[in-house]
Amino acid sequence: MPMATRLKLALAIVGLALFAVGVRLENERLRWAAIVVVAIAFLLRFVKPAPPSES
């Protein structure tokens, strides 16, 4: 699995975990932070990977 895919997956999982903790603790700021992290993971789907170097 490419490193970029791992990063996207890790961000999504961290965001979901933060959201769950935010709901459990009834912390609105933590929930919003989680939403931002998941949104970043979603937007990274549209970033094209760098072409492999020819060296």
N, C-alpha and C. Protein backbone atom coordinates (compact mmCIF):
# COMPACT_ATOMS: atom_id res chain seq x y z
N MET A 1 0.85 -1.17 0.00
CA MET A 1 0.00 0.00 0.00
C MET A 1 0.90 1.24 0.00
N PRO A 2 0.65 2.16 -0.90
CA PRO A 2 1.48 3.37 -0.97
C PRO A 2 1.37 4.21 0.31
N MET A 3 2.42 4.97 0.56
CA MET A 3 2.48 5.79 1.78
C MET A 3 1.35 6.82 1.81
N ALA A 4 1.01 7.40 0.67
CA ALA A 4 -0.06 8.40 0.63
C ALA A 4 -1.40 7.78 1.03
N THR A 5 -1.64 6.56 0.61
CA THR A 5 -2.88 5.87 0.97
C THR A 5 -2.91 5.59 2.47
N ARG A 6 -1.78 5.21 3.02
CA ARG A 6 -1.70 4.97 4.47
C ARG A 6 -1.98 6.24 5.25
N LEU A 7 -1.45 7.35 4.76
CA LEU A 7 -1.67 8.63 5.43
C LEU A 7 -3.15 9.01 5.41
N LYS A 8 -3.78 8.86 4.27
CA LYS A 8 -5.20 9.18 4.14
C LYS A 8 -6.04 8.31 5.07
N LEU A 9 -5.74 7.03 5.09
CA LEU A 9 -6.47 6.10 5.94
C LEU A 9 -6.25 6.41 7.41
N ALA A 10 -5.01 6.72 7.77
CA ALA A 10 -4.71 7.05 9.17
C ALA A 10 -5.44 8.32 9.60
N LEU A 11 -5.47 9.33 8.74
CA LEU A 11 -6.19 10.56 9.07
C LEU A 11 -7.68 10.30 9.26
N ALA A 12 -8.24 9.50 8.40
CA ALA A 12 -9.67 9.19 8.52
C ALA A 12 -9.97 8.45 9.83
N ILE A 13 -9.12 7.48 10.17
CA ILE A 13 -9.32 6.71 11.40
C ILE A 13 -9.14 7.59 12.63
N VAL A 14 -8.12 8.44 12.62
CA VAL A 14 -7.90 9.36 13.75
C VAL A 14 -9.08 10.32 13.88
N GLY A 15 -9.57 10.81 12.77
CA GLY A 15 -10.72 11.72 12.80
C GLY A 15 -11.96 11.06 13.38
N LEU A 16 -12.21 9.82 12.97
CA LEU A 16 -13.37 9.11 13.51
C LEU A 16 -13.21 8.82 14.99
N ALA A 17 -12.00 8.47 15.40
CA ALA A 17 -11.76 8.23 16.82
C ALA A 17 -11.93 9.51 17.64
N LEU A 18 -11.41 10.62 17.11
CA LEU A 18 -11.59 11.90 17.81
C LEU A 18 -13.06 12.27 17.91
N PHE A 19 -13.81 12.00 16.87
CA PHE A 19 -15.23 12.31 16.90
C PHE A 19 -15.94 11.48 17.96
N ALA A 20 -15.60 10.20 18.04
CA ALA A 20 -16.21 9.32 19.04
C ALA A 20 -15.88 9.80 20.45
N VAL A 21 -14.63 10.19 20.67
CA VAL A 21 -14.24 10.70 21.99
C VAL A 21 -14.96 12.02 22.28
N GLY A 22 -15.08 12.87 21.29
CA GLY A 22 -15.78 14.14 21.46
C GLY A 22 -17.24 13.95 21.82
N VAL A 23 -17.88 12.97 21.19
CA VAL A 23 -19.27 12.68 21.52
C VAL A 23 -19.37 12.12 22.94
N ARG A 24 -18.47 11.22 23.27
CA ARG A 24 -18.49 10.58 24.60
C ARG A 24 -18.27 11.60 25.70
N LEU A 25 -17.36 12.55 25.48
CA LEU A 25 -17.05 13.55 26.49
C LEU A 25 -17.92 14.81 26.37
N GLU A 26 -18.79 14.81 25.37
CA GLU A 26 -19.65 15.96 25.10
C GLU A 26 -18.83 17.24 24.92
N ASN A 27 -17.75 17.11 24.14
CA ASN A 27 -16.83 18.21 23.88
C ASN A 27 -17.00 18.67 22.43
N GLU A 28 -17.62 19.84 22.27
CA GLU A 28 -17.92 20.33 20.92
C GLU A 28 -16.65 20.66 20.13
N ARG A 29 -15.66 21.22 20.78
CA ARG A 29 -14.42 21.57 20.06
C ARG A 29 -13.71 20.33 19.54
N LEU A 30 -13.72 19.28 20.31
CA LEU A 30 -13.09 18.04 19.87
C LEU A 30 -13.84 17.45 18.68
N ARG A 31 -15.15 17.53 18.71
CA ARG A 31 -15.94 17.05 17.56
C ARG A 31 -15.63 17.86 16.31
N TRP A 32 -15.53 19.18 16.43
CA TRP A 32 -15.22 20.01 15.26
C TRP A 32 -13.81 19.73 14.75
N ALA A 33 -12.88 19.50 15.66
CA ALA A 33 -11.51 19.15 15.24
C ALA A 33 -11.53 17.83 14.46
N ALA A 34 -12.33 16.89 14.92
CA ALA A 34 -12.45 15.61 14.23
C ALA A 34 -13.05 15.78 12.84
N ILE A 35 -14.05 16.64 12.73
CA ILE A 35 -14.67 16.90 11.43
C ILE A 35 -13.65 17.50 10.47
N VAL A 36 -12.82 18.40 10.97
CA VAL A 36 -11.77 19.00 10.13
C VAL A 36 -10.77 17.94 9.67
N VAL A 37 -10.37 17.05 10.56
CA VAL A 37 -9.40 16.00 10.20
C VAL A 37 -10.00 15.07 9.14
N VAL A 38 -11.25 14.68 9.30
CA VAL A 38 -11.89 13.81 8.31
C VAL A 38 -12.04 14.56 6.98
N ALA A 39 -12.35 15.84 7.03
CA ALA A 39 -12.47 16.63 5.80
C ALA A 39 -11.13 16.70 5.08
N ILE A 40 -10.05 16.87 5.82
CA ILE A 40 -8.72 16.89 5.20
C ILE A 40 -8.42 15.55 4.55
N ALA A 41 -8.75 14.46 5.24
CA ALA A 41 -8.54 13.12 4.67
C ALA A 41 -9.35 12.96 3.39
N PHE A 42 -10.57 13.48 3.38
CA PHE A 42 -11.40 13.41 2.18
C PHE A 42 -10.80 14.22 1.04
N LEU A 43 -10.35 15.42 1.34
CA LEU A 43 -9.77 16.28 0.30
C LEU A 43 -8.47 15.72 -0.25
N LEU A 44 -7.74 14.98 0.55
CA LEU A 44 -6.49 14.37 0.08
C LEU A 44 -6.74 13.31 -0.99
N ARG A 45 -7.98 12.84 -1.10
CA ARG A 45 -8.31 11.90 -2.16
C ARG A 45 -8.07 12.50 -3.53
N PHE A 46 -8.19 13.81 -3.65
CA PHE A 46 -8.09 14.48 -4.93
C PHE A 46 -6.67 14.93 -5.27
N VAL A 47 -5.74 14.73 -4.37
CA VAL A 47 -4.34 15.08 -4.62
C VAL A 47 -3.69 13.92 -5.39
N LYS A 48 -3.15 14.25 -6.53
CA LYS A 48 -2.52 13.20 -7.34
C LYS A 48 -1.13 12.90 -6.79
N PRO A 49 -0.75 11.63 -6.76
CA PRO A 49 0.58 11.26 -6.28
C PRO A 49 1.67 11.77 -7.23
N ALA A 50 2.80 12.04 -6.68
CA ALA A 50 3.94 12.51 -7.49
C ALA A 50 4.41 11.38 -8.40
N PRO A 51 4.79 11.72 -9.63
CA PRO A 51 5.29 10.67 -10.53
C PRO A 51 6.62 10.11 -9.99
N PRO A 52 6.88 8.85 -10.24
CA PRO A 52 8.13 8.28 -9.75
C PRO A 52 9.34 8.94 -10.43
N SER A 53 10.38 9.13 -9.66
CA SER A 53 11.58 9.76 -10.21
C SER A 53 12.32 8.77 -11.10
N GLU A 54 13.02 9.29 -12.08
CA GLU A 54 13.71 8.44 -13.05
C GLU A 54 15.18 8.28 -12.73
N SER A 55 15.58 8.62 -11.53
CA SER A 55 17.00 8.49 -11.20
C SER A 55 17.32 7.19 -10.53
